[in-house]
Amino acid sequence: MREVYLTDANFQNFIHMLRVVEGLSAGLNTVLSRPVTLKEN
């Protein structure tokens, strides 16, 4: 284990990278891997 100094910026970066890894590890045909079609007004 390693001691980490937690700041708001460090925590936000951690959450962001956690979401990136979740998106990269999602399998095909999952909600995260489906393209989104935007509707035009």
C-alpha atoms as a PDB file:
ATOM      1  CA  MET A   1       0.000   0.000   0.000  1.00  0.00           C
ATOM      2  CA  ARG A   2       1.000   3.565  -0.521  1.00  0.00           C
ATOM      3  CA  GLU A   3      -0.091   6.715   1.262  1.00  0.00           C
ATOM      4  CA  VAL A   4      -1.915   9.194  -0.956  1.00  0.00           C
ATOM      5  CA  TYR A   5      -2.737  12.802  -0.202  1.00  0.00           C
ATOM      6  CA  LEU A   6      -6.331  13.281  -1.203  1.00  0.00           C
ATOM      7  CA  THR A   7      -7.394  16.639  -2.582  1.00  0.00           C
ATOM      8  CA  ASP A   8     -10.567  17.549  -4.445  1.00  0.00           C
ATOM      9  CA  ALA A   9      -8.613  17.672  -7.722  1.00  0.00           C
ATOM     10  CA  ASN A  10      -7.019  14.260  -7.106  1.00  0.00           C
ATOM     11  CA  PHE A  11     -10.392  12.733  -6.288  1.00  0.00           C
ATOM     12  CA  GLN A  12     -12.022  14.177  -9.416  1.00  0.00           C
ATOM     13  CA  ASN A  13      -9.147  12.852 -11.554  1.00  0.00           C
ATOM     14  CA  PHE A  14      -9.530   9.425  -9.958  1.00  0.00           C
ATOM     15  CA  ILE A  15     -13.274   9.341 -10.674  1.00  0.00           C
ATOM     16  CA  HIS A  16     -12.689  10.471 -14.264  1.00  0.00           C
ATOM     17  CA  MET A  17     -10.094   7.756 -14.899  1.00  0.00           C
ATOM     18  CA  LEU A  18     -12.323   5.160 -13.234  1.00  0.00           C
ATOM     19  CA  ARG A  19     -15.084   6.015 -15.718  1.00  0.00           C
ATOM     20  CA  VAL A  20     -12.619   5.857 -18.626  1.00  0.00           C
ATOM     21  CA  VAL A  21     -11.496   2.366 -17.574  1.00  0.00           C
ATOM     22  CA  GLU A  22     -15.113   1.245 -17.145  1.00  0.00           C
ATOM     23  CA  GLY A  23     -15.859   2.451 -20.668  1.00  0.00           C
ATOM     24  CA  LEU A  24     -12.807   0.748 -22.139  1.00  0.00           C
ATOM     25  CA  SER A  25     -13.512  -2.543 -20.401  1.00  0.00           C
ATOM     26  CA  ALA A  26     -17.197  -2.669 -21.401  1.00  0.00           C
ATOM     27  CA  GLY A  27     -17.911  -5.469 -23.816  1.00  0.00           C
ATOM     28  CA  LEU A  28     -19.441  -5.054 -27.224  1.00  0.00           C
ATOM     29  CA  ASN A  29     -23.212  -4.595 -27.384  1.00  0.00           C
ATOM     30  CA  THR A  30     -23.370  -2.964 -23.980  1.00  0.00           C
ATOM     31  CA  VAL A  31     -24.876   0.399 -23.220  1.00  0.00           C
ATOM     32  CA  LEU A  32     -21.418   2.002 -23.016  1.00  0.00           C
ATOM     33  CA  SER A  33     -20.374   0.671 -26.427  1.00  0.00           C
ATOM     34  CA  ARG A  34     -23.481   1.664 -28.401  1.00  0.00           C
ATOM     35  CA  PRO A  35     -23.304   4.768 -30.592  1.00  0.00           C
ATOM     36  CA  VAL A  36     -25.692   7.582 -29.797  1.00  0.00           C
ATOM     37  CA  THR A  37     -27.768   9.225 -32.517  1.00  0.00           C
ATOM     38  CA  LEU A  38     -28.554  12.878 -31.853  1.00  0.00           C
ATOM     39  CA  LYS A  39     -31.857  14.270 -33.028  1.00  0.00           C
ATOM     40  CA  GLU A  40     -31.872  17.487 -35.014  1.00  0.00           C
ATOM     41  CA  ASN A  41     -34.377  20.169 -34.007  1.00  0.00           C
END
